[in-house]
């Protein structure tokens, strides 16, 4: 058994969870605070048999897409700023960080 831990953009999380439900893979989204969630990130955990890991990774790759975002610059606080970009700039976001871990033991206690 494997544990797949994926960190991806919040916009990609719901569609990915629906994809997992369609192939009957149980997944859990962890609600974040400053570590995950504040930057528009979601963490999804999937426990899956070894032979289904590739299916899970394929769905993550299909949903976790790159996107470009407009970032508004912060105005300088003082009179002089040594470096200041006067207009918005583009930044690439998206994709996913995925960890696949071996699971030595799994137990379900109640429904969680």
Protein backbone atom coordinates (compact mmCIF):
# COMPACT_ATOMS: atom_id res chain seq x y z
CA UNK A 1 0.00 0.00 0.00
CA UNK A 2 1.13 3.55 -0.76
CA UNK A 3 0.29 6.97 0.58
CA UNK A 4 0.18 9.68 -2.09
CA UNK A 5 0.48 13.19 -0.66
CA UNK A 6 -0.08 15.99 -3.19
CA UNK A 7 0.15 19.76 -2.70
CA UNK A 8 -1.51 21.67 -5.52
CA UNK A 9 -3.51 24.81 -6.30
CA UNK A 10 -6.92 25.07 -4.60
CA UNK A 11 -8.59 25.54 -8.00
CA UNK A 12 -7.41 22.07 -9.03
CA UNK A 13 -8.42 20.27 -5.82
CA UNK A 14 -12.21 19.89 -6.33
CA UNK A 15 -12.00 18.59 -9.91
CA UNK A 16 -9.27 16.17 -8.82
CA UNK A 17 -11.37 14.86 -5.92
CA UNK A 18 -14.25 14.26 -8.37
CA UNK A 19 -11.88 12.36 -10.67
CA UNK A 20 -10.77 10.17 -7.76
CA UNK A 21 -14.40 9.44 -6.87
CA UNK A 22 -15.11 8.35 -10.46
CA UNK A 23 -12.38 5.71 -10.31
CA UNK A 24 -13.38 4.76 -6.75
CA UNK A 25 -10.25 6.01 -5.01
CA UNK A 26 -10.79 7.50 -1.55
CA UNK A 27 -9.03 10.83 -1.04
CA UNK A 28 -8.96 13.39 1.76
CA UNK A 29 -8.34 17.10 1.41
CA UNK A 30 -6.60 18.66 4.39
CA UNK A 31 -7.82 22.12 5.26
CA UNK A 32 -4.85 24.42 5.65
CA UNK A 33 -3.79 27.38 7.66
CA UNK A 34 -0.59 29.36 7.13
CA UNK A 35 1.31 26.31 5.85
CA UNK A 36 -1.23 25.12 3.30
CA UNK A 37 -4.21 27.16 2.18
CA UNK A 38 -3.05 30.72 2.71
CA UNK A 39 -1.20 30.77 -0.60
CA UNK A 40 -4.06 29.16 -2.51
CA UNK A 41 -2.71 25.66 -1.95
CA UNK A 42 -4.53 22.44 -1.09
CA UNK A 43 -3.15 19.19 0.33
CA UNK A 44 -4.72 15.91 -0.76
CA UNK A 45 -3.92 12.53 0.75
CA UNK A 46 -4.72 9.26 -1.03
CA UNK A 47 -4.19 5.76 0.33
CA UNK A 48 -4.01 3.31 -2.56
CA UNK A 49 -2.77 -0.15 -3.44
CA UNK A 50 0.58 -0.31 -5.25
CA UNK A 51 -0.97 -1.21 -8.61
CA UNK A 52 -3.19 1.94 -8.58
CA UNK A 53 -0.45 4.50 -7.89
CA UNK A 54 0.06 5.21 -11.60
CA UNK A 55 -3.69 5.90 -12.02
CA UNK A 56 -3.55 8.42 -9.18
CA UNK A 57 -0.42 10.11 -10.54
CA UNK A 58 -1.95 10.33 -14.03
CA UNK A 59 -5.02 12.14 -12.66
CA UNK A 60 -2.86 14.55 -10.66
CA UNK A 61 -0.76 15.33 -13.74
CA UNK A 62 -3.91 15.95 -15.78
CA UNK A 63 -5.46 18.35 -13.24
CA UNK A 64 -2.48 20.17 -11.72
CA UNK A 65 -1.83 22.57 -14.56
CA UNK A 66 0.34 25.65 -14.76
CA UNK A 67 -1.34 29.03 -14.95
CA UNK A 68 -0.17 32.62 -15.18
CA UNK A 69 -1.29 35.17 -12.60
CA UNK A 70 -1.07 38.95 -12.53
CA UNK A 71 0.75 40.23 -9.45
CA UNK A 72 0.26 43.84 -8.38
CA UNK A 73 3.45 45.33 -6.94
CA UNK A 74 3.64 46.77 -3.45
CA UNK A 75 4.11 50.51 -3.38
CA UNK A 76 7.27 51.74 -1.65
CA UNK A 77 6.69 52.88 1.93
CA UNK A 78 9.37 55.56 2.00
CA UNK A 79 10.09 58.39 -0.33
CA UNK A 80 12.80 56.48 -2.18
CA UNK A 81 12.76 52.91 -3.31
CA UNK A 82 15.88 51.36 -4.70
CA UNK A 83 13.88 48.81 -6.67
CA UNK A 84 10.26 49.24 -7.59
CA UNK A 85 8.32 47.84 -10.50
CA UNK A 86 5.62 50.41 -11.35
CA UNK A 87 3.17 48.00 -13.00
CA UNK A 88 1.76 44.52 -12.62
CA UNK A 89 3.89 41.54 -13.51
CA UNK A 90 3.09 37.96 -14.45
CA UNK A 91 4.02 34.99 -12.31
CA UNK A 92 3.64 31.31 -13.14
CA UNK A 93 1.83 29.19 -10.56
CA UNK A 94 0.33 25.75 -10.54
CA UNK A 95 1.56 22.23 -10.93
CA UNK A 96 1.91 19.98 -7.91
CA UNK A 97 4.41 18.56 -5.46
CA UNK A 98 3.65 14.86 -5.01
CA UNK A 99 5.13 12.42 -2.51
CA UNK A 100 4.56 8.66 -2.75
CA UNK A 101 5.33 6.88 0.53
CA UNK A 102 5.28 3.24 1.53
CA UNK A 103 2.69 2.37 4.17
CA UNK A 104 3.61 -0.30 6.66
CA UNK A 105 0.22 -0.43 8.34
CA UNK A 106 -3.22 1.04 7.67
CA UNK A 107 -6.25 0.87 9.94
CA UNK A 108 -9.63 2.53 9.63
CA UNK A 109 -11.19 3.49 12.94
CA UNK A 110 -14.75 4.56 12.39
CA UNK A 111 -15.28 6.83 9.40
CA UNK A 112 -12.80 9.62 8.81
